[in-house]
Protein backbone atom coordinates (compact mmCIF):
# COMPACT_ATOMS: atom_id res chain seq x y z
CA UNK A 1 -3.72 10.79 -20.35
CA UNK A 2 -1.73 10.52 -17.14
CA UNK A 3 -2.55 7.32 -15.28
CA UNK A 4 -3.11 7.29 -11.53
CA UNK A 5 -1.43 4.34 -9.80
CA UNK A 6 -2.48 3.95 -6.17
CA UNK A 7 0.25 2.84 -3.80
CA UNK A 8 -1.44 0.59 -1.19
CA UNK A 9 1.53 0.21 1.19
CA UNK A 10 -0.26 2.24 3.88
CA UNK A 11 -3.19 -0.17 3.82
CA UNK A 12 -0.76 -2.96 4.68
CA UNK A 13 0.81 -0.80 7.41
CA UNK A 14 -2.59 -0.42 9.07
CA UNK A 15 -3.31 -4.15 8.74
CA UNK A 16 0.06 -5.11 10.22
CA UNK A 17 -0.45 -2.85 13.23
CA UNK A 18 -2.97 -5.35 14.61
CA UNK A 19 -2.14 -8.52 12.72
CA UNK A 20 -4.90 -10.43 11.01
CA UNK A 21 -6.26 -9.34 7.68
CA UNK A 22 -8.13 -6.09 8.24
CA UNK A 23 -8.01 -4.01 6.15
CA UNK A 24 -7.50 -6.51 3.35
CA UNK A 25 -4.94 -5.29 0.81
CA UNK A 26 -6.26 -7.49 -1.99
CA UNK A 27 -9.80 -6.16 -1.59
CA UNK A 28 -8.42 -2.61 -1.46
CA UNK A 29 -6.60 -3.13 -4.74
CA UNK A 30 -9.74 -4.50 -6.36
CA UNK A 31 -11.78 -1.58 -5.03
CA UNK A 32 -9.23 1.04 -6.11
CA UNK A 33 -9.44 -0.30 -9.65
CA UNK A 34 -13.22 -0.40 -9.49
CA UNK A 35 -13.28 3.22 -8.35
CA UNK A 36 -11.06 4.41 -11.22
CA UNK A 37 -7.39 3.78 -10.44
CA UNK A 38 -5.45 2.85 -13.56
CA UNK A 39 -2.74 1.03 -11.64
CA UNK A 40 -1.71 -0.49 -8.32
CA UNK A 41 1.74 0.10 -6.83
CA UNK A 42 3.45 -1.79 -4.02
CA UNK A 43 6.90 -1.57 -2.45
CA UNK A 44 7.73 -4.83 -0.64
CA UNK A 45 10.64 -4.07 1.66
CA UNK A 46 12.91 -6.80 3.03
CA UNK A 47 11.54 -6.45 6.58
CA UNK A 48 7.93 -6.72 5.27
CA UNK A 49 6.84 -3.88 7.55
CA UNK A 50 3.99 -3.08 5.21
CA UNK A 51 3.46 -5.03 1.97
CA UNK A 52 4.50 -8.64 2.45
CA UNK A 53 5.93 -10.76 -0.31
CA UNK A 54 2.90 -13.06 -0.19
CA UNK A 55 0.70 -10.01 -0.70
CA UNK A 56 2.45 -9.43 -4.00
CA UNK A 57 1.74 -12.96 -5.14
CA UNK A 58 -1.94 -12.61 -4.21
CA UNK A 59 -2.22 -9.22 -5.89
CA UNK A 60 -0.82 -10.62 -9.11
CA UNK A 61 -3.91 -12.80 -9.40
CA UNK A 62 -6.40 -9.91 -9.09
CA UNK A 63 -4.86 -6.70 -10.49
CA UNK A 64 -6.42 -6.07 -13.91
CA UNK A 65 -4.94 -2.63 -14.65
CA UNK A 66 -1.17 -2.01 -14.33
CA UNK A 67 0.76 -3.68 -11.56
CA UNK A 68 3.89 -1.77 -10.51
CA UNK A 69 6.40 -3.25 -8.06
CA UNK A 70 8.93 -0.85 -6.54
CA UNK A 71 12.09 -1.87 -4.79
CA UNK A 72 15.84 -2.07 -4.54
CA UNK A 73 17.01 -4.65 -7.11
CA UNK A 74 18.61 -7.12 -4.75
CA UNK A 75 18.35 -10.89 -5.28
CA UNK A 76 15.07 -11.24 -3.38
CA UNK A 77 13.41 -8.41 -5.30
CA UNK A 78 14.54 -9.76 -8.64
CA UNK A 79 13.29 -13.26 -7.77
CA UNK A 80 9.90 -11.86 -6.82
CA UNK A 81 9.58 -9.69 -9.90
CA UNK A 82 10.64 -12.49 -12.22
CA UNK A 83 8.01 -14.72 -10.61
CA UNK A 84 5.18 -12.19 -10.70
CA UNK A 85 6.08 -10.44 -13.97
CA UNK A 86 4.32 -7.14 -13.25
CA UNK A 87 3.66 -4.63 -15.99
CA UNK A 88 6.35 -2.36 -14.51
CA UNK A 89 9.31 -2.67 -12.16
CA UNK A 90 10.37 0.61 -10.59
CA UNK A 91 13.93 0.49 -9.28
CA UNK A 92 14.74 2.61 -6.22
CA UNK A 93 18.12 3.04 -4.50
CA UNK A 94 16.79 2.63 -0.93
CA UNK A 95 18.87 0.82 1.67
CA UNK A 96 16.88 -1.92 3.46
CA UNK A 97 16.27 0.20 6.60
CA UNK A 98 14.98 3.33 4.83
CA UNK A 99 11.64 4.62 6.13
CA UNK A 100 10.68 5.79 2.66
CA UNK A 101 12.39 6.63 -0.60
CA UNK A 102 14.48 9.76 -0.11
CA UNK A 103 16.79 10.03 -3.13
CA UNK A 104 17.07 9.07 -6.75
CA UNK A 105 19.64 6.86 -8.47
CA UNK A 106 23.03 8.18 -9.43
CA UNK A 107 22.73 6.73 -12.92
CA UNK A 108 26.32 7.61 -13.73
CA UNK A 109 27.93 5.85 -10.75
CA UNK A 110 25.50 2.91 -10.98
CA UNK A 111 25.42 2.69 -14.76
CA UNK A 112 26.67 -0.87 -15.15
CA UNK A 113 24.57 -2.26 -12.31
CA UNK A 114 21.37 -0.68 -13.61
CA UNK A 115 22.09 -1.58 -17.21
CA UNK A 116 22.47 -5.25 -16.28
CA UNK A 117 19.30 -5.25 -14.14
CA UNK A 118 17.24 -3.51 -16.81
CA UNK A 119 18.41 -5.93 -19.47
CA UNK A 120 17.26 -8.83 -17.25
CA UNK A 121 13.85 -7.26 -16.63
CA UNK A 122 13.30 -6.43 -20.29
CA UNK A 123 14.16 -9.98 -21.27
CA UNK A 124 11.17 -11.03 -19.11
CA UNK A 125 8.89 -8.54 -20.86
CA UNK A 126 8.74 -6.18 -17.85
CA UNK A 127 8.68 -2.42 -18.44
CA UNK A 128 11.36 -0.67 -16.40
CA UNK A 129 11.39 2.63 -14.56
CA UNK A 130 14.13 4.11 -12.39
CA UNK A 131 13.68 6.61 -9.59
CA UNK A 132 15.68 9.76 -10.35
CA UNK A 133 16.20 13.37 -9.32
CA UNK A 134 15.69 16.14 -11.90
CA UNK A 135 19.25 16.52 -13.16
CA UNK A 136 20.13 16.59 -16.85
CA UNK A 137 23.25 14.46 -16.48
CA UNK A 138 21.21 11.82 -14.63
CA UNK A 139 18.59 11.78 -17.40
CA UNK A 140 21.29 11.49 -20.09
CA UNK A 141 22.80 8.48 -18.30
CA UNK A 142 19.33 6.95 -17.88
CA UNK A 143 19.04 6.88 -21.66
CA UNK A 144 22.37 5.04 -21.96
CA UNK A 145 21.23 2.52 -19.37
CA UNK A 146 18.23 1.63 -21.51
CA UNK A 147 15.35 2.22 -19.09
CA UNK A 148 11.87 2.56 -20.54
CA UNK A 149 10.88 5.25 -18.10
CA UNK A 150 12.10 7.43 -15.29
CA UNK A 151 10.12 8.27 -12.16
CA UNK A 152 10.81 11.83 -11.06
CA UNK A 153 11.38 11.96 -7.30
CA UNK A 154 9.01 14.83 -6.47
CA UNK A 155 9.60 15.33 -2.73
CA UNK A 156 11.66 18.53 -3.29
CA UNK A 157 8.86 19.90 -5.48
CA UNK A 158 6.24 19.11 -2.84
CA UNK A 159 8.37 20.54 -0.02
CA UNK A 160 8.81 23.89 -1.75
CA UNK A 161 5.41 24.12 -3.45
CA UNK A 162 3.78 26.41 -0.88
CA UNK A 163 6.62 28.89 -0.63
CA UNK A 164 7.67 29.09 -4.30
CA UNK A 165 5.84 26.81 -6.67
CA UNK A 166 7.39 28.41 -9.78
CA UNK A 167 10.85 27.70 -8.46
CA UNK A 168 9.85 24.28 -7.15
CA UNK A 169 8.68 23.04 -10.55
CA UNK A 170 11.49 24.50 -12.67
CA UNK A 171 14.05 21.69 -12.55
CA UNK A 172 11.35 19.08 -13.02
CA UNK A 173 10.11 20.70 -16.21
CA UNK A 174 13.63 20.86 -17.60
CA UNK A 175 14.30 17.21 -16.69
CA UNK A 176 10.96 16.04 -18.09
CA UNK A 177 11.51 17.86 -21.36
CA UNK A 178 14.95 16.28 -21.65
CA UNK A 179 13.54 12.81 -21.01
CA UNK A 180 10.83 13.40 -23.62
CA UNK A 181 13.44 14.54 -26.11
CA UNK A 182 15.39 11.31 -25.49
CA UNK A 183 12.30 9.17 -25.90
CA UNK A 184 12.07 8.12 -22.24
CA UNK A 185 8.65 7.79 -20.62
CA UNK A 186 8.00 9.89 -17.53
CA UNK A 187 6.40 8.90 -14.23
CA UNK A 188 6.37 10.94 -11.03
CA UNK A 189 5.91 10.19 -7.36
CA UNK A 190 6.59 11.05 -3.74
CA UNK A 191 4.58 13.50 -1.64
CA UNK A 192 2.20 14.36 -4.46
CA UNK A 193 -1.15 15.49 -3.10
CA UNK A 194 -4.46 17.13 -3.94
CA UNK A 195 -2.76 20.45 -3.29
CA UNK A 196 0.20 20.15 -5.66
CA UNK A 197 -0.74 17.53 -8.27
CA UNK A 198 -2.60 19.69 -10.77
CA UNK A 199 0.21 22.27 -10.97
CA UNK A 200 2.64 19.45 -11.78
CA UNK A 201 0.34 18.16 -14.50
CA UNK A 202 -0.08 21.65 -15.97
CA UNK A 203 3.67 22.04 -16.37
CA UNK A 204 4.43 18.47 -17.42
CA UNK A 205 1.26 17.57 -19.38
CA UNK A 206 2.88 14.51 -21.00
CA UNK A 207 3.37 12.61 -17.74
CA UNK A 208 2.68 8.93 -18.26
CA UNK A 209 1.85 8.02 -14.67
CA UNK A 210 1.80 9.31 -11.11
CA UNK A 211 2.15 6.92 -8.18
CA UNK A 212 0.51 8.21 -5.01
CA UNK A 213 0.09 6.47 -1.69
CA UNK A 214 0.53 8.33 1.61
CA UNK A 215 -1.48 11.47 0.81
CA UNK A 216 -4.19 9.62 -1.09
CA UNK A 217 -4.78 7.04 1.67
CA UNK A 218 -4.71 9.80 4.28
CA UNK A 219 -7.31 11.80 2.33
CA UNK A 220 -9.44 8.70 2.05
CA UNK A 221 -9.86 8.71 5.85
CA UNK A 222 -11.87 11.90 5.41
CA UNK A 223 -13.38 11.61 1.93
CA UNK A 224 -13.67 7.85 1.41
CA UNK A 225 -11.52 5.89 -1.03
CA UNK A 226 -13.93 6.06 -3.99
CA UNK A 227 -14.38 9.82 -3.76
CA UNK A 228 -10.68 10.39 -3.11
CA UNK A 229 -9.57 8.50 -6.20
CA UNK A 230 -11.96 10.56 -8.32
CA UNK A 231 -10.67 13.78 -6.72
CA UNK A 232 -7.09 12.85 -7.63
CA UNK A 233 -8.08 11.89 -11.17
CA UNK A 234 -9.73 15.28 -11.65
CA UNK A 235 -6.43 16.92 -10.70
CA UNK A 236 -4.90 15.18 -13.74
CA UNK A 237 -7.37 16.74 -16.17
CA UNK A 238 -6.32 19.87 -18.02
CA UNK A 239 -9.07 22.34 -18.92
């Protein structure tokens, strides 16, 4: 089974637009789980423009499924993760001013840095995942680093899905099969949607987890959050 982890950053973005506490990110996390989400994902950036660090502390007390904290492994991120001890830490190579994640790690160039960080996280009992692009050499180096999982950066797949879905998925299938061969777990995320999610699942049926935020929260404006979560979960079922 592929788990659906709902990224609730956009809920915090909406809240922060007016200040106050509406919508409430903690209640949203609780509701997402109640409506079928198997995980909650957050990405607390240094400028706290959406999820705030205090949100993460409050979420730790209520998330009963899998709590996944994404971020660049600087000192502040590592302090937060060591304090919260989520089920999973997903490491991304974003600079502090990035609007959203837009590239995967170069696991060859950053081998020593990532190896050290992953060793620290594992010593705290935290499962590790690193954000990567679908390149065999990157997957090979990820194995040497010792990560538990990779998260395939699926924006290129999503961008090319309408024009050439067979070509769009090809490199991701090769990369996923390589990771499986090496014994690395496989997550996926970025620009996955109701339109392209099932095709990804069909071609990589052994996906461990997908993390979806922007499209899912946007769809919820039309369909409601409970119905939307169920719609996404149905896309992860193979007939």
